[in-house]
């Protein structure tokens, strides 16, 4: 995922390669880095059958997942209200 965040009046571009193991309630991260202007990124997929070990695994508690879902819902609800769609 590529994302742009606004921080202290500036935009920051970052790239994240991560996933979620639903069976184990775990976030898994392979790569997470800010991207500077004019930086070149090359991604090569060698074989879809094997995956490398993630650099970080973080267990999610059910209460955390519920909190995230509620925060996402409230954010989207606010956005729709501001646009007059609900």
PDB file of N, CA and C in Angstrom:
ATOM      1  N   UNK A   1       0.834  -1.152   0.000  1.00  0.00           N
ATOM      2  CA  UNK A   1       0.000   0.000   0.000  1.00  0.00           C
ATOM      3  C   UNK A   1       0.894   1.234   0.000  1.00  0.00           C
ATOM      4  N   UNK A   2       0.534   2.182  -0.779  1.00  0.00           N
ATOM      5  CA  UNK A   2       1.147   3.506  -0.736  1.00  0.00           C
ATOM      6  C   UNK A   2       0.191   4.421   0.015  1.00  0.00           C
ATOM      7  N   UNK A   3       0.742   5.243   0.894  1.00  0.00           N
ATOM      8  CA  UNK A   3      -0.134   6.158   1.621  1.00  0.00           C
ATOM      9  C   UNK A   3       0.510   7.532   1.722  1.00  0.00           C
ATOM     10  N   UNK A   4      -0.346   8.531   1.788  1.00  0.00           N
ATOM     11  CA  UNK A   4       0.099   9.905   1.981  1.00  0.00           C
ATOM     12  C   UNK A   4      -0.513  10.384   3.287  1.00  0.00           C
ATOM     13  N   UNK A   5       0.345  10.845   4.185  1.00  0.00           N
ATOM     14  CA  UNK A   5      -0.120  11.369   5.464  1.00  0.00           C
ATOM     15  C   UNK A   5       0.274  12.835   5.549  1.00  0.00           C
ATOM     16  N   UNK A   6      -0.593  13.625   6.159  1.00  0.00           N
ATOM     17  CA  UNK A   6      -0.294  15.031   6.404  1.00  0.00           C
ATOM     18  C   UNK A   6       0.206  15.147   7.832  1.00  0.00           C
ATOM     19  N   UNK A   7       1.432  15.625   7.990  1.00  0.00           N
ATOM     20  CA  UNK A   7       2.049  15.728   9.303  1.00  0.00           C
ATOM     21  C   UNK A   7       2.772  17.062   9.402  1.00  0.00           C
ATOM     22  N   UNK A   8       2.369  17.860  10.352  1.00  0.00           N
ATOM     23  CA  UNK A   8       2.945  19.177  10.591  1.00  0.00           C
ATOM     24  C   UNK A   8       3.008  20.010   9.302  1.00  0.00           C
ATOM     25  N   UNK A   9       1.897  20.020   8.569  1.00  0.00           N
ATOM     26  CA  UNK A   9       1.778  20.838   7.372  1.00  0.00           C
ATOM     27  C   UNK A   9       2.467  20.288   6.135  1.00  0.00           C
ATOM     28  N   UNK A  10       3.039  19.103   6.223  1.00  0.00           N
ATOM     29  CA  UNK A  10       3.718  18.510   5.079  1.00  0.00           C
ATOM     30  C   UNK A  10       3.120  17.140   4.760  1.00  0.00           C
ATOM     31  N   UNK A  11       3.226  16.775   3.500  1.00  0.00           N
ATOM     32  CA  UNK A  11       2.783  15.436   3.092  1.00  0.00           C
ATOM     33  C   UNK A  11       3.949  14.479   3.203  1.00  0.00           C
ATOM     34  N   UNK A  12       3.659  13.283   3.711  1.00  0.00           N
ATOM     35  CA  UNK A  12       4.662  12.225   3.777  1.00  0.00           C
ATOM     36  C   UNK A  12       4.129  11.030   2.999  1.00  0.00           C
ATOM     37  N   UNK A  13       4.922  10.545   2.078  1.00  0.00           N
ATOM     38  CA  UNK A  13       4.559   9.380   1.281  1.00  0.00           C
ATOM     39  C   UNK A  13       5.292   8.176   1.854  1.00  0.00           C
ATOM     40  N   UNK A  14       4.569   7.081   2.047  1.00  0.00           N
ATOM     41  CA  UNK A  14       5.205   5.881   2.572  1.00  0.00           C
ATOM     42  C   UNK A  14       4.667   4.654   1.846  1.00  0.00           C
ATOM     43  N   UNK A  15       5.434   3.581   1.934  1.00  0.00           N
ATOM     44  CA  UNK A  15       5.042   2.307   1.326  1.00  0.00           C
ATOM     45  C   UNK A  15       5.034   1.246   2.420  1.00  0.00           C
ATOM     46  N   UNK A  16       4.001   0.398   2.364  1.00  0.00           N
ATOM     47  CA  UNK A  16       3.830  -0.653   3.366  1.00  0.00           C
ATOM     48  C   UNK A  16       3.541  -1.976   2.649  1.00  0.00           C
ATOM     49  N   UNK A  17       4.249  -2.996   3.021  1.00  0.00           N
ATOM     50  CA  UNK A  17       3.951  -4.346   2.550  1.00  0.00           C
ATOM     51  C   UNK A  17       3.607  -5.151   3.793  1.00  0.00           C
ATOM     52  N   UNK A  18       2.328  -5.460   3.947  1.00  0.00           N
ATOM     53  CA  UNK A  18       1.878  -6.116   5.164  1.00  0.00           C
ATOM     54  C   UNK A  18       0.642  -6.950   4.882  1.00  0.00           C
ATOM     55  N   UNK A  19       0.206  -7.649   5.890  1.00  0.00           N
ATOM     56  CA  UNK A  19      -0.990  -8.471   5.763  1.00  0.00           C
ATOM     57  C   UNK A  19      -1.583  -8.741   7.129  1.00  0.00           C
ATOM     58  N   UNK A  20      -2.656  -9.500   7.133  1.00  0.00           N
ATOM     59  CA  UNK A  20      -3.326  -9.851   8.385  1.00  0.00           C
ATOM     60  C   UNK A  20      -3.679 -11.328   8.340  1.00  0.00           C
ATOM     61  N   UNK A  21      -3.231 -12.064   9.345  1.00  0.00           N
ATOM     62  CA  UNK A  21      -3.576 -13.473   9.480  1.00  0.00           C
ATOM     63  C   UNK A  21      -4.815 -13.554  10.364  1.00  0.00           C
ATOM     64  N   UNK A  22      -5.970 -13.726   9.737  1.00  0.00           N
ATOM     65  CA  UNK A  22      -7.239 -13.715  10.465  1.00  0.00           C
ATOM     66  C   UNK A  22      -7.350 -14.887  11.435  1.00  0.00           C
ATOM     67  N   UNK A  23      -6.827 -16.048  11.056  1.00  0.00           N
ATOM     68  CA  UNK A  23      -6.910 -17.222  11.930  1.00  0.00           C
ATOM     69  C   UNK A  23      -6.185 -16.998  13.260  1.00  0.00           C
ATOM     70  N   UNK A  24      -5.102 -16.234  13.231  1.00  0.00           N
ATOM     71  CA  UNK A  24      -4.297 -16.000  14.435  1.00  0.00           C
ATOM     72  C   UNK A  24      -4.450 -14.592  15.004  1.00  0.00           C
ATOM     73  N   UNK A  25      -5.280 -13.750  14.350  1.00  0.00           N
ATOM     74  CA  UNK A  25      -5.426 -12.333  14.745  1.00  0.00           C
ATOM     75  C   UNK A  25      -4.073 -11.648  14.837  1.00  0.00           C
ATOM     76  N   UNK A  26      -3.280 -11.774  13.773  1.00  0.00           N
ATOM     77  CA  UNK A  26      -1.944 -11.204  13.765  1.00  0.00           C
ATOM     78  C   UNK A  26      -1.744 -10.283  12.562  1.00  0.00           C
ATOM     79  N   UNK A  27      -1.153  -9.111  12.837  1.00  0.00           N
ATOM     80  CA  UNK A  27      -0.663  -8.248  11.766  1.00  0.00           C
ATOM     81  C   UNK A  27       0.734  -8.726  11.423  1.00  0.00           C
ATOM     82  N   UNK A  28       1.023  -8.873  10.142  1.00  0.00           N
ATOM     83  CA  UNK A  28       2.363  -9.270   9.707  1.00  0.00           C
ATOM     84  C   UNK A  28       2.905  -8.188   8.773  1.00  0.00           C
ATOM     85  N   UNK A  29       4.159  -7.782   9.010  1.00  0.00           N
ATOM     86  CA  UNK A  29       4.749  -6.701   8.220  1.00  0.00           C
ATOM     87  C   UNK A  29       6.073  -7.163   7.640  1.00  0.00           C
ATOM     88  N   UNK A  30       6.224  -6.914   6.334  1.00  0.00           N
ATOM     89  CA  UNK A  30       7.476  -7.219   5.656  1.00  0.00           C
ATOM     90  C   UNK A  30       8.305  -5.958   5.409  1.00  0.00           C
ATOM     91  N   UNK A  31       7.613  -4.843   5.153  1.00  0.00           N
ATOM     92  CA  UNK A  31       8.322  -3.625   4.773  1.00  0.00           C
ATOM     93  C   UNK A  31       7.462  -2.421   5.122  1.00  0.00           C
ATOM     94  N   UNK A  32       8.081  -1.369   5.659  1.00  0.00           N
ATOM     95  CA  UNK A  32       7.369  -0.143   6.027  1.00  0.00           C
ATOM     96  C   UNK A  32       8.392   0.987   6.014  1.00  0.00           C
ATOM     97  N   UNK A  33       8.267   1.914   5.056  1.00  0.00           N
ATOM     98  CA  UNK A  33       9.295   2.944   4.934  1.00  0.00           C
ATOM     99  C   UNK A  33       8.732   4.211   4.308  1.00  0.00           C
ATOM    100  N   UNK A  34       9.218   5.365   4.791  1.00  0.00           N
ATOM    101  CA  UNK A  34       8.913   6.642   4.151  1.00  0.00           C
ATOM    102  C   UNK A  34       9.631   6.706   2.812  1.00  0.00           C
ATOM    103  N   UNK A  35       9.023   7.378   1.843  1.00  0.00           N
ATOM    104  CA  UNK A  35       9.619   7.518   0.522  1.00  0.00           C
ATOM    105  C   UNK A  35       9.956   8.982   0.305  1.00  0.00           C
ATOM    106  N   UNK A  36      11.202   9.233   0.016  1.00  0.00           N
ATOM    107  CA  UNK A  36      11.660  10.592  -0.252  1.00  0.00           C
ATOM    108  C   UNK A  36      11.360  10.947  -1.716  1.00  0.00           C
ATOM    109  N   UNK A  37      11.256  12.237  -2.041  1.00  0.00           N
ATOM    110  CA  UNK A  37      11.040  12.637  -3.436  1.00  0.00           C
ATOM    111  C   UNK A  37      12.137  12.086  -4.353  1.00  0.00           C
ATOM    112  N   UNK A  38      11.749  11.730  -5.547  1.00  0.00           N
ATOM    113  CA  UNK A  38      12.640  11.204  -6.588  1.00  0.00           C
ATOM    114  C   UNK A  38      13.281   9.863  -6.235  1.00  0.00           C
ATOM    115  N   UNK A  39      12.712   9.138  -5.292  1.00  0.00           N
ATOM    116  CA  UNK A  39      13.235   7.820  -4.940  1.00  0.00           C
ATOM    117  C   UNK A  39      12.602   6.780  -5.867  1.00  0.00           C
ATOM    118  N   UNK A  40      13.394   5.849  -6.304  1.00  0.00           N
ATOM    119  CA  UNK A  40      12.934   4.806  -7.211  1.00  0.00           C
ATOM    120  C   UNK A  40      12.749   3.512  -6.418  1.00  0.00           C
ATOM    121  N   UNK A  41      11.597   2.869  -6.619  1.00  0.00           N
ATOM    122  CA  UNK A  41      11.309   1.610  -5.945  1.00  0.00           C
ATOM    123  C   UNK A  41      11.057   0.558  -7.014  1.00  0.00           C
ATOM    124  N   UNK A  42      11.745  -0.565  -6.901  1.00  0.00           N
ATOM    125  CA  UNK A  42      11.562  -1.667  -7.840  1.00  0.00           C
ATOM    126  C   UNK A  42      11.036  -2.856  -7.051  1.00  0.00           C
ATOM    127  N   UNK A  43       9.917  -3.388  -7.482  1.00  0.00           N
ATOM    128  CA  UNK A  43       9.304  -4.544  -6.842  1.00  0.00           C
ATOM    129  C   UNK A  43       9.318  -5.695  -7.832  1.00  0.00           C
ATOM    130  N   UNK A  44       9.894  -6.797  -7.429  1.00  0.00           N
ATOM    131  CA  UNK A  44       9.963  -7.966  -8.294  1.00  0.00           C
ATOM    132  C   UNK A  44       9.344  -9.155  -7.568  1.00  0.00           C
ATOM    133  N   UNK A  45       8.337  -9.754  -8.166  1.00  0.00           N
ATOM    134  CA  UNK A  45       7.702 -10.936  -7.594  1.00  0.00           C
ATOM    135  C   UNK A  45       8.329 -12.155  -8.255  1.00  0.00           C
ATOM    136  N   UNK A  46       9.011 -12.961  -7.451  1.00  0.00           N
ATOM    137  CA  UNK A  46       9.748 -14.093  -7.993  1.00  0.00           C
ATOM    138  C   UNK A  46       8.892 -15.336  -8.123  1.00  0.00           C
ATOM    139  N   UNK A  47       8.140 -15.655  -7.074  1.00  0.00           N
ATOM    140  CA  UNK A  47       7.347 -16.877  -7.076  1.00  0.00           C
ATOM    141  C   UNK A  47       6.216 -16.693  -6.073  1.00  0.00           C
ATOM    142  N   UNK A  48       5.001 -16.886  -6.490  1.00  0.00           N
ATOM    143  CA  UNK A  48       3.872 -16.703  -5.588  1.00  0.00           C
ATOM    144  C   UNK A  48       3.633 -17.857  -4.651  1.00  0.00           C
ATOM    145  N   UNK A  49       4.393 -18.933  -4.757  1.00  0.00           N
ATOM    146  CA  UNK A  49       4.174 -20.114  -3.931  1.00  0.00           C
ATOM    147  C   UNK A  49       4.857 -20.024  -2.574  1.00  0.00           C
ATOM    148  N   UNK A  50       5.943 -19.268  -2.489  1.00  0.00           N
ATOM    149  CA  UNK A  50       6.680 -19.152  -1.237  1.00  0.00           C
ATOM    150  C   UNK A  50       6.669 -17.709  -0.767  1.00  0.00           C
ATOM    151  N   UNK A  51       6.640 -17.530   0.543  1.00  0.00           N
ATOM    152  CA  UNK A  51       6.724 -16.186   1.102  1.00  0.00           C
ATOM    153  C   UNK A  51       7.881 -16.131   2.091  1.00  0.00           C
ATOM    154  N   UNK A  52       8.491 -14.977   2.163  1.00  0.00           N
ATOM    155  CA  UNK A  52       9.565 -14.790   3.140  1.00  0.00           C
ATOM    156  C   UNK A  52       8.946 -14.538   4.514  1.00  0.00           C
ATOM    157  N   UNK A  53       9.737 -14.732   5.529  1.00  0.00           N
ATOM    158  CA  UNK A  53       9.264 -14.475   6.890  1.00  0.00           C
ATOM    159  C   UNK A  53       9.087 -12.972   7.086  1.00  0.00           C
ATOM    160  N   UNK A  54       7.996 -12.574   7.729  1.00  0.00           N
ATOM    161  CA  UNK A  54       7.798 -11.147   7.971  1.00  0.00           C
ATOM    162  C   UNK A  54       8.821 -10.621   8.974  1.00  0.00           C
ATOM    163  N   UNK A  55       9.089  -9.324   8.899  1.00  0.00           N
ATOM    164  CA  UNK A  55      10.024  -8.702   9.838  1.00  0.00           C
ATOM    165  C   UNK A  55       9.374  -8.464  11.189  1.00  0.00           C
ATOM    166  N   UNK A  56       8.038  -8.382  11.204  1.00  0.00           N
ATOM    167  CA  UNK A  56       7.334  -8.093  12.449  1.00  0.00           C
ATOM    168  C   UNK A  56       5.993  -8.804  12.459  1.00  0.00           C
ATOM    169  N   UNK A  57       5.645  -9.381  13.594  1.00  0.00           N
ATOM    170  CA  UNK A  57       4.332 -10.001  13.797  1.00  0.00           C
ATOM    171  C   UNK A  57       3.766  -9.420  15.086  1.00  0.00           C
ATOM    172  N   UNK A  58       2.552  -8.894  14.987  1.00  0.00           N
ATOM    173  CA  UNK A  58       1.930  -8.288  16.163  1.00  0.00           C
ATOM    174  C   UNK A  58       0.557  -8.903  16.389  1.00  0.00           C
ATOM    175  N   UNK A  59       0.343  -9.443  17.563  1.00  0.00           N
ATOM    176  CA  UNK A  59      -0.935 -10.046  17.928  1.00  0.00           C
ATOM    177  C   UNK A  59      -1.967  -8.956  18.173  1.00  0.00           C
ATOM    178  N   UNK A  60      -3.155  -9.137  17.627  1.00  0.00           N
ATOM    179  CA  UNK A  60      -4.264  -8.200  17.858  1.00  0.00           C
ATOM    180  C   UNK A  60      -5.242  -8.820  18.841  1.00  0.00           C
ATOM    181  N   UNK A  61      -5.610  -8.051  19.817  1.00  0.00           N
ATOM    182  CA  UNK A  61      -6.640  -8.486  20.759  1.00  0.00           C
ATOM    183  C   UNK A  61      -8.004  -8.163  20.166  1.00  0.00           C
ATOM    184  N   UNK A  62      -9.022  -8.930  20.519  1.00  0.00           N
ATOM    185  CA  UNK A  62     -10.367  -8.715  19.981  1.00  0.00           C
ATOM    186  C   UNK A  62     -10.855  -7.293  20.272  1.00  0.00           C
ATOM    187  N   UNK A  63     -10.565  -6.773  21.471  1.00  0.00           N
ATOM    188  CA  UNK A  63     -11.025  -5.426  21.812  1.00  0.00           C
ATOM    189  C   UNK A  63     -10.383  -4.385  20.887  1.00  0.00           C
ATOM    190  N   UNK A  64      -9.125  -4.623  20.484  1.00  0.00           N
ATOM    191  CA  UNK A  64      -8.447  -3.709  19.563  1.00  0.00           C
ATOM    192  C   UNK A  64      -9.126  -3.736  18.197  1.00  0.00           C
ATOM    193  N   UNK A  65      -9.452  -4.922  17.721  1.00  0.00           N
ATOM    194  CA  UNK A  65     -10.112  -5.075  16.424  1.00  0.00           C
ATOM    195  C   UNK A  65     -11.468  -4.376  16.444  1.00  0.00           C
ATOM    196  N   UNK A  66     -12.240  -4.577  17.523  1.00  0.00           N
ATOM    197  CA  UNK A  66     -13.546  -3.925  17.643  1.00  0.00           C
ATOM    198  C   UNK A  66     -13.396  -2.403  17.669  1.00  0.00           C
ATOM    199  N   UNK A  67     -12.382  -1.905  18.376  1.00  0.00           N
ATOM    200  CA  UNK A  67     -12.143  -0.462  18.447  1.00  0.00           C
ATOM    201  C   UNK A  67     -11.798   0.092  17.074  1.00  0.00           C
ATOM    202  N   UNK A  68     -10.958  -0.613  16.319  1.00  0.00           N
ATOM    203  CA  UNK A  68     -10.570  -0.177  14.975  1.00  0.00           C
ATOM    204  C   UNK A  68     -11.789  -0.132  14.047  1.00  0.00           C
ATOM    205  N   UNK A  69     -12.631  -1.154  14.129  1.00  0.00           N
ATOM    206  CA  UNK A  69     -13.838  -1.188  13.296  1.00  0.00           C
ATOM    207  C   UNK A  69     -14.751  -0.010  13.616  1.00  0.00           C
ATOM    208  N   UNK A  70     -14.918   0.293  14.911  1.00  0.00           N
ATOM    209  CA  UNK A  70     -15.774   1.408  15.317  1.00  0.00           C
ATOM    210  C   UNK A  70     -15.180   2.734  14.837  1.00  0.00           C
ATOM    211  N   UNK A  71     -13.871   2.920  14.986  1.00  0.00           N
ATOM    212  CA  UNK A  71     -13.229   4.149  14.528  1.00  0.00           C
ATOM    213  C   UNK A  71     -13.388   4.335  13.020  1.00  0.00           C
ATOM    214  N   UNK A  72     -13.232   3.258  12.263  1.00  0.00           N
ATOM    215  CA  UNK A  72     -13.399   3.327  10.814  1.00  0.00           C
ATOM    216  C   UNK A  72     -14.839   3.689  10.458  1.00  0.00           C
ATOM    217  N   UNK A  73     -15.801   3.040  11.125  1.00  0.00           N
ATOM    218  CA  UNK A  73     -17.211   3.321  10.887  1.00  0.00           C
ATOM    219  C   UNK A  73     -17.528   4.795  11.156  1.00  0.00           C
ATOM    220  N   UNK A  74     -17.078   5.302  12.308  1.00  0.00           N
ATOM    221  CA  UNK A  74     -17.376   6.692  12.672  1.00  0.00           C
ATOM    222  C   UNK A  74     -16.713   7.680  11.711  1.00  0.00           C
ATOM    223  N   UNK A  75     -15.498   7.379  11.274  1.00  0.00           N
ATOM    224  CA  UNK A  75     -14.812   8.239  10.309  1.00  0.00           C
ATOM    225  C   UNK A  75     -15.582   8.281   8.988  1.00  0.00           C
ATOM    226  N   UNK A  76     -15.978   7.112   8.490  1.00  0.00           N
ATOM    227  CA  UNK A  76     -16.713   7.059   7.221  1.00  0.00           C
ATOM    228  C   UNK A  76     -18.088   7.714   7.349  1.00  0.00           C
ATOM    229  N   UNK A  77     -18.744   7.531   8.484  1.00  0.00           N
ATOM    230  CA  UNK A  77     -20.037   8.159   8.721  1.00  0.00           C
ATOM    231  C   UNK A  77     -19.907   9.683   8.681  1.00  0.00           C
ATOM    232  N   UNK A  78     -18.873  10.217   9.349  1.00  0.00           N
ATOM    233  CA  UNK A  78     -18.634  11.661   9.361  1.00  0.00           C
ATOM    234  C   UNK A  78     -18.379  12.178   7.948  1.00  0.00           C
ATOM    235  N   UNK A  79     -17.581  11.439   7.186  1.00  0.00           N
ATOM    236  CA  UNK A  79     -17.272  11.834   5.812  1.00  0.00           C
ATOM    237  C   UNK A  79     -18.532  11.887   4.953  1.00  0.00           C
ATOM    238  N   UNK A  80     -19.405  10.889   5.091  1.00  0.00           N
ATOM    239  CA  UNK A  80     -20.652  10.866   4.320  1.00  0.00           C
ATOM    240  C   UNK A  80     -21.579  12.011   4.732  1.00  0.00           C
ATOM    241  N   UNK A  81     -21.630  12.308   6.023  1.00  0.00           N
ATOM    242  CA  UNK A  81     -22.462  13.434   6.493  1.00  0.00           C
ATOM    243  C   UNK A  81     -21.955  14.759   5.941  1.00  0.00           C
ATOM    244  N   UNK A  82     -20.632  14.934   5.942  1.00  0.00           N
ATOM    245  CA  UNK A  82     -20.049  16.174   5.423  1.00  0.00           C
ATOM    246  C   UNK A  82     -20.356  16.355   3.937  1.00  0.00           C
ATOM    247  N   UNK A  83     -20.474  15.265   3.220  1.00  0.00           N
ATOM    248  CA  UNK A  83     -20.783  15.332   1.788  1.00  0.00           C
ATOM    249  C   UNK A  83     -22.285  15.363   1.520  1.00  0.00           C
ATOM    250  N   UNK A  84     -23.079  15.302   2.604  1.00  0.00           N
ATOM    251  CA  UNK A  84     -24.529  15.362   2.474  1.00  0.00           C
ATOM    252  C   UNK A  84     -25.151  14.099   1.909  1.00  0.00           C
ATOM    253  N   UNK A  85     -24.455  12.993   2.021  1.00  0.00           N
ATOM    254  CA  UNK A  85     -24.965  11.740   1.475  1.00  0.00           C
ATOM    255  C   UNK A  85     -25.811  10.953   2.474  1.00  0.00           C
ATOM    256  N   UNK A  86     -25.701  11.304   3.748  1.00  0.00           N
ATOM    257  CA  UNK A  86     -26.573  10.696   4.760  1.00  0.00           C
ATOM    258  C   UNK A  86     -27.019  11.765   5.739  1.00  0.00           C
TER     259      UNK A  86
END
